[in-house]
């Protein structure tokens, strides 16, 4: 019986000393409110924001693909159209109007 009481006392002591350590990690950084995601307005290297495809960035990517005299001809909320010369004559490239200007159609 003394052996059981000693083991129970040691277990209770360990449980009581471990509680403050776990409760501190769970409550870290909690201010009690949430007002949505943090949105930062960051400028990119072309003078615009990173929310969409900047026309100069689309022109630069078209030139990297080998298009000469690349010019933006149309900008819509969904796409940026760049026209210029390629080996076969006049050509058009369509980029998505999102950050990074991914190529949709060549």
N, C-alpha and C. Protein backbone atom coordinates (compact mmCIF):
# COMPACT_ATOMS: atom_id res chain seq x y z
N UNK A 1 0.82 -1.19 0.00
CA UNK A 1 0.00 0.00 0.00
C UNK A 1 0.86 1.26 0.00
N UNK A 2 1.97 1.22 0.73
CA UNK A 2 2.87 2.37 0.76
C UNK A 2 3.50 2.56 -0.62
N UNK A 3 3.81 1.48 -1.30
CA UNK A 3 4.39 1.53 -2.64
C UNK A 3 3.40 2.19 -3.61
N UNK A 4 2.11 1.86 -3.54
CA UNK A 4 1.07 2.45 -4.39
C UNK A 4 0.92 3.95 -4.10
N UNK A 5 0.92 4.34 -2.84
CA UNK A 5 0.78 5.75 -2.46
C UNK A 5 1.97 6.56 -2.94
N UNK A 6 3.17 5.99 -2.87
CA UNK A 6 4.37 6.69 -3.34
C UNK A 6 4.30 6.90 -4.85
N UNK A 7 3.90 5.90 -5.61
CA UNK A 7 3.78 6.03 -7.07
C UNK A 7 2.70 7.03 -7.47
N UNK A 8 1.57 7.03 -6.74
CA UNK A 8 0.49 7.98 -7.03
C UNK A 8 0.94 9.41 -6.75
N UNK A 9 1.69 9.63 -5.69
CA UNK A 9 2.17 10.96 -5.35
C UNK A 9 3.16 11.46 -6.39
N UNK A 10 4.03 10.59 -6.86
CA UNK A 10 5.01 10.98 -7.89
C UNK A 10 4.28 11.31 -9.20
N UNK A 11 3.29 10.52 -9.58
CA UNK A 11 2.52 10.77 -10.80
C UNK A 11 1.76 12.09 -10.70
N UNK A 12 1.16 12.38 -9.55
CA UNK A 12 0.44 13.63 -9.37
C UNK A 12 1.39 14.82 -9.42
N UNK A 13 2.58 14.69 -8.84
CA UNK A 13 3.57 15.76 -8.87
C UNK A 13 4.03 16.05 -10.30
N UNK A 14 4.26 15.00 -11.08
CA UNK A 14 4.65 15.19 -12.49
C UNK A 14 3.53 15.84 -13.29
N UNK A 15 2.30 15.45 -13.06
CA UNK A 15 1.17 16.02 -13.79
C UNK A 15 1.00 17.50 -13.46
N UNK A 16 1.14 17.87 -12.21
CA UNK A 16 0.98 19.26 -11.81
C UNK A 16 2.10 20.13 -12.36
N UNK A 17 3.33 19.63 -12.41
CA UNK A 17 4.45 20.43 -12.92
C UNK A 17 4.41 20.53 -14.45
N UNK A 18 3.78 19.59 -15.15
CA UNK A 18 3.72 19.63 -16.61
C UNK A 18 2.61 20.53 -17.13
N UNK A 19 1.59 20.80 -16.35
CA UNK A 19 0.46 21.62 -16.82
C UNK A 19 0.85 23.04 -17.21
N UNK A 20 1.61 23.79 -16.43
CA UNK A 20 1.94 25.16 -16.85
C UNK A 20 2.76 25.20 -18.14
N UNK A 21 3.60 24.22 -18.38
CA UNK A 21 4.42 24.22 -19.59
C UNK A 21 3.56 24.04 -20.84
N UNK A 22 2.58 23.16 -20.80
CA UNK A 22 1.74 22.93 -21.98
C UNK A 22 0.74 24.06 -22.18
N UNK A 23 0.22 24.64 -21.14
CA UNK A 23 -0.74 25.73 -21.28
C UNK A 23 -0.08 26.98 -21.84
N UNK A 24 1.18 27.21 -21.54
CA UNK A 24 1.89 28.38 -22.07
C UNK A 24 2.07 28.31 -23.58
N UNK A 25 2.37 27.14 -24.13
CA UNK A 25 2.54 27.01 -25.56
C UNK A 25 1.21 27.13 -26.29
N UNK A 26 0.15 26.63 -25.73
CA UNK A 26 -1.15 26.67 -26.39
C UNK A 26 -1.67 28.10 -26.49
N UNK A 27 -1.35 28.95 -25.54
CA UNK A 27 -1.88 30.31 -25.53
C UNK A 27 -0.93 31.32 -26.16
N UNK A 28 0.20 30.88 -26.68
CA UNK A 28 1.17 31.81 -27.24
C UNK A 28 0.62 32.47 -28.50
N UNK A 29 0.70 33.79 -28.56
CA UNK A 29 0.31 34.53 -29.75
C UNK A 29 -1.19 34.73 -29.89
N UNK A 30 -1.98 34.36 -28.95
CA UNK A 30 -3.43 34.51 -29.04
C UNK A 30 -3.82 35.84 -28.40
N UNK A 31 -4.40 36.74 -29.21
CA UNK A 31 -4.81 38.03 -28.69
C UNK A 31 -6.30 38.08 -28.40
N UNK A 32 -7.00 36.99 -28.67
CA UNK A 32 -8.42 36.94 -28.36
C UNK A 32 -9.33 37.44 -29.46
N UNK A 33 -8.80 37.87 -30.62
CA UNK A 33 -9.65 38.32 -31.71
C UNK A 33 -8.99 37.94 -33.03
N UNK A 34 -9.78 37.91 -34.09
CA UNK A 34 -9.27 37.61 -35.42
C UNK A 34 -10.00 38.52 -36.39
N UNK A 35 -9.26 39.33 -37.11
CA UNK A 35 -9.88 40.27 -38.03
C UNK A 35 -9.57 39.94 -39.49
N UNK A 36 -9.31 38.69 -39.79
CA UNK A 36 -9.07 38.27 -41.16
C UNK A 36 -7.60 38.20 -41.48
N UNK A 37 -7.28 37.79 -42.71
CA UNK A 37 -5.88 37.65 -43.09
C UNK A 37 -5.20 39.00 -43.25
N UNK A 38 -3.93 39.01 -43.04
CA UNK A 38 -3.15 40.23 -43.20
C UNK A 38 -2.80 40.38 -44.68
N UNK A 39 -3.14 41.51 -45.27
CA UNK A 39 -2.86 41.78 -46.67
C UNK A 39 -1.91 42.97 -46.72
N UNK A 40 -0.77 42.74 -47.32
CA UNK A 40 0.21 43.82 -47.45
C UNK A 40 0.25 44.28 -48.90
N UNK A 41 0.35 45.56 -49.10
CA UNK A 41 0.46 46.10 -50.45
C UNK A 41 1.95 46.24 -50.75
N UNK A 42 2.48 45.31 -51.53
CA UNK A 42 3.91 45.25 -51.80
C UNK A 42 4.16 45.71 -53.23
N UNK A 43 5.12 46.59 -53.41
CA UNK A 43 5.47 47.07 -54.74
C UNK A 43 6.43 46.09 -55.40
N UNK A 44 6.24 45.85 -56.70
CA UNK A 44 7.18 45.00 -57.41
C UNK A 44 8.21 45.86 -58.13
N UNK A 45 9.10 45.25 -58.87
CA UNK A 45 10.18 45.96 -59.53
C UNK A 45 9.74 46.81 -60.70
N UNK A 46 8.48 46.70 -61.13
CA UNK A 46 8.01 47.46 -62.28
C UNK A 46 7.15 48.64 -61.86
N UNK A 47 7.08 48.94 -60.56
CA UNK A 47 6.34 50.09 -60.10
C UNK A 47 4.87 49.83 -59.80
N UNK A 48 4.41 48.60 -59.94
CA UNK A 48 3.02 48.27 -59.67
C UNK A 48 2.91 47.33 -58.49
N UNK A 49 1.72 46.94 -58.17
CA UNK A 49 1.53 46.02 -57.06
C UNK A 49 1.62 44.59 -57.56
N UNK A 50 1.75 43.65 -56.64
CA UNK A 50 1.88 42.25 -57.01
C UNK A 50 0.53 41.55 -57.14
N UNK A 51 -0.54 42.29 -57.22
CA UNK A 51 -1.85 41.67 -57.30
C UNK A 51 -2.13 41.12 -58.69
N UNK A 52 -1.58 41.71 -59.73
CA UNK A 52 -1.87 41.27 -61.08
C UNK A 52 -0.61 41.28 -61.93
N UNK A 53 -0.81 41.00 -63.19
CA UNK A 53 0.30 40.97 -64.15
C UNK A 53 0.55 42.40 -64.64
N UNK A 54 1.70 42.91 -64.37
CA UNK A 54 2.04 44.26 -64.84
C UNK A 54 2.35 44.19 -66.34
N UNK A 55 1.86 45.14 -67.14
CA UNK A 55 2.08 45.09 -68.58
C UNK A 55 3.56 45.04 -68.98
N UNK A 56 4.41 45.78 -68.28
CA UNK A 56 5.84 45.73 -68.63
C UNK A 56 6.44 44.37 -68.35
N UNK A 57 5.96 43.70 -67.31
CA UNK A 57 6.44 42.35 -67.01
C UNK A 57 6.01 41.38 -68.11
N UNK A 58 4.78 41.53 -68.61
CA UNK A 58 4.30 40.68 -69.70
C UNK A 58 5.13 40.91 -70.96
N UNK A 59 5.46 42.16 -71.25
CA UNK A 59 6.31 42.45 -72.41
C UNK A 59 7.69 41.82 -72.25
N UNK A 60 8.26 41.91 -71.06
CA UNK A 60 9.58 41.32 -70.82
C UNK A 60 9.55 39.80 -71.00
N UNK A 61 8.52 39.15 -70.51
CA UNK A 61 8.41 37.70 -70.67
C UNK A 61 8.26 37.34 -72.14
N UNK A 62 7.46 38.12 -72.89
CA UNK A 62 7.29 37.87 -74.33
C UNK A 62 8.62 38.02 -75.06
N UNK A 63 9.41 39.02 -74.68
CA UNK A 63 10.73 39.17 -75.30
C UNK A 63 11.64 38.00 -74.96
N UNK A 64 11.52 37.47 -73.73
CA UNK A 64 12.31 36.30 -73.36
C UNK A 64 11.95 35.09 -74.21
N UNK A 65 10.70 35.00 -74.66
CA UNK A 65 10.27 33.92 -75.54
C UNK A 65 10.68 34.16 -76.99
N UNK A 66 11.29 35.30 -77.29
CA UNK A 66 11.79 35.56 -78.63
C UNK A 66 10.92 36.51 -79.45
N UNK A 67 9.94 37.12 -78.88
CA UNK A 67 9.08 38.05 -79.60
C UNK A 67 9.77 39.41 -79.70
N UNK A 68 9.80 39.95 -80.92
CA UNK A 68 10.39 41.26 -81.14
C UNK A 68 9.29 42.31 -81.22
N UNK A 69 9.62 43.53 -80.86
CA UNK A 69 8.68 44.65 -80.85
C UNK A 69 7.40 44.30 -80.08
N UNK A 70 7.58 43.67 -78.93
CA UNK A 70 6.44 43.25 -78.10
C UNK A 70 5.76 44.46 -77.48
N UNK A 71 4.44 44.55 -77.65
CA UNK A 71 3.65 45.63 -77.08
C UNK A 71 2.36 45.06 -76.51
N UNK A 72 1.92 45.61 -75.40
CA UNK A 72 0.65 45.21 -74.81
C UNK A 72 -0.46 45.87 -75.61
N UNK A 73 -1.40 45.06 -76.11
CA UNK A 73 -2.50 45.60 -76.91
C UNK A 73 -3.81 45.63 -76.14
N UNK A 74 -3.96 44.77 -75.11
CA UNK A 74 -5.22 44.75 -74.36
C UNK A 74 -4.96 44.22 -72.96
N UNK A 75 -5.62 44.83 -71.98
CA UNK A 75 -5.55 44.39 -70.59
C UNK A 75 -6.98 44.27 -70.08
N UNK A 76 -7.35 43.07 -69.65
CA UNK A 76 -8.67 42.84 -69.06
C UNK A 76 -8.45 42.35 -67.63
N UNK A 77 -9.51 42.22 -66.86
CA UNK A 77 -9.32 41.70 -65.51
C UNK A 77 -8.77 40.27 -65.46
N UNK A 78 -8.93 39.52 -66.56
CA UNK A 78 -8.46 38.13 -66.58
C UNK A 78 -7.18 37.90 -67.36
N UNK A 79 -6.87 38.77 -68.33
CA UNK A 79 -5.72 38.48 -69.18
C UNK A 79 -5.03 39.75 -69.66
N UNK A 80 -3.77 39.55 -70.09
CA UNK A 80 -2.97 40.62 -70.68
C UNK A 80 -2.50 40.08 -72.03
N UNK A 81 -2.81 40.81 -73.10
CA UNK A 81 -2.47 40.36 -74.46
C UNK A 81 -1.30 41.18 -74.96
N UNK A 82 -0.27 40.46 -75.44
CA UNK A 82 0.94 41.09 -75.98
C UNK A 82 1.08 40.65 -77.43
N UNK A 83 1.28 41.62 -78.33
CA UNK A 83 1.48 41.31 -79.74
C UNK A 83 2.84 41.82 -80.18
N UNK A 84 3.42 41.13 -81.15
CA UNK A 84 4.72 41.51 -81.67
C UNK A 84 5.10 40.61 -82.83
N UNK A 85 6.38 40.67 -83.22
CA UNK A 85 6.87 39.89 -84.35
C UNK A 85 7.61 38.65 -83.85
N UNK A 86 7.39 37.55 -84.53
CA UNK A 86 8.18 36.35 -84.28
C UNK A 86 8.71 35.88 -85.63
N UNK A 87 9.25 34.69 -85.68
CA UNK A 87 9.86 34.21 -86.93
C UNK A 87 8.88 34.14 -88.08
N UNK A 88 7.64 33.74 -87.80
CA UNK A 88 6.67 33.57 -88.88
C UNK A 88 5.87 34.81 -89.21
N UNK A 89 6.09 35.89 -88.55
CA UNK A 89 5.33 37.11 -88.79
C UNK A 89 4.77 37.64 -87.49
N UNK A 90 3.60 38.25 -87.58
CA UNK A 90 2.97 38.80 -86.38
C UNK A 90 2.46 37.67 -85.51
N UNK A 91 2.61 37.85 -84.20
CA UNK A 91 2.22 36.81 -83.26
C UNK A 91 1.58 37.45 -82.03
N UNK A 92 0.84 36.66 -81.28
CA UNK A 92 0.15 37.14 -80.09
C UNK A 92 0.40 36.15 -78.95
N UNK A 93 0.65 36.70 -77.76
CA UNK A 93 0.79 35.90 -76.55
C UNK A 93 -0.22 36.41 -75.52
N UNK A 94 -0.87 35.48 -74.82
CA UNK A 94 -1.88 35.84 -73.82
C UNK A 94 -1.39 35.37 -72.46
N UNK A 95 -1.34 36.29 -71.51
CA UNK A 95 -0.91 35.99 -70.15
C UNK A 95 -2.09 36.15 -69.20
N UNK A 96 -2.10 35.35 -68.13
CA UNK A 96 -3.12 35.51 -67.10
C UNK A 96 -2.81 36.76 -66.29
N UNK A 97 -3.83 37.49 -65.93
CA UNK A 97 -3.64 38.74 -65.17
C UNK A 97 -3.59 38.42 -63.68
N UNK A 98 -2.62 37.62 -63.31
CA UNK A 98 -2.35 37.29 -61.91
C UNK A 98 -0.86 37.47 -61.68
N UNK A 99 -0.47 37.42 -60.42
CA UNK A 99 0.92 37.62 -60.06
C UNK A 99 1.83 36.61 -60.75
N UNK A 100 2.87 37.08 -61.37
CA UNK A 100 3.82 36.22 -62.06
C UNK A 100 3.59 36.12 -63.56
N UNK A 101 2.46 36.57 -64.05
CA UNK A 101 2.11 36.56 -65.49
C UNK A 101 2.30 35.20 -66.14
N UNK A 102 1.58 34.16 -65.71
CA UNK A 102 1.74 32.87 -66.37
C UNK A 102 1.17 32.91 -67.78
N UNK A 103 1.81 32.20 -68.68
CA UNK A 103 1.43 32.17 -70.08
C UNK A 103 0.20 31.28 -70.25
N UNK A 104 -0.85 31.81 -70.88
CA UNK A 104 -2.05 31.02 -71.16
C UNK A 104 -1.99 30.44 -72.56
N UNK A 105 -1.71 31.30 -73.54
CA UNK A 105 -1.74 30.86 -74.93
C UNK A 105 -0.64 31.58 -75.70
N UNK A 106 0.01 30.82 -76.57
CA UNK A 106 1.08 31.40 -77.37
C UNK A 106 0.69 31.39 -78.82
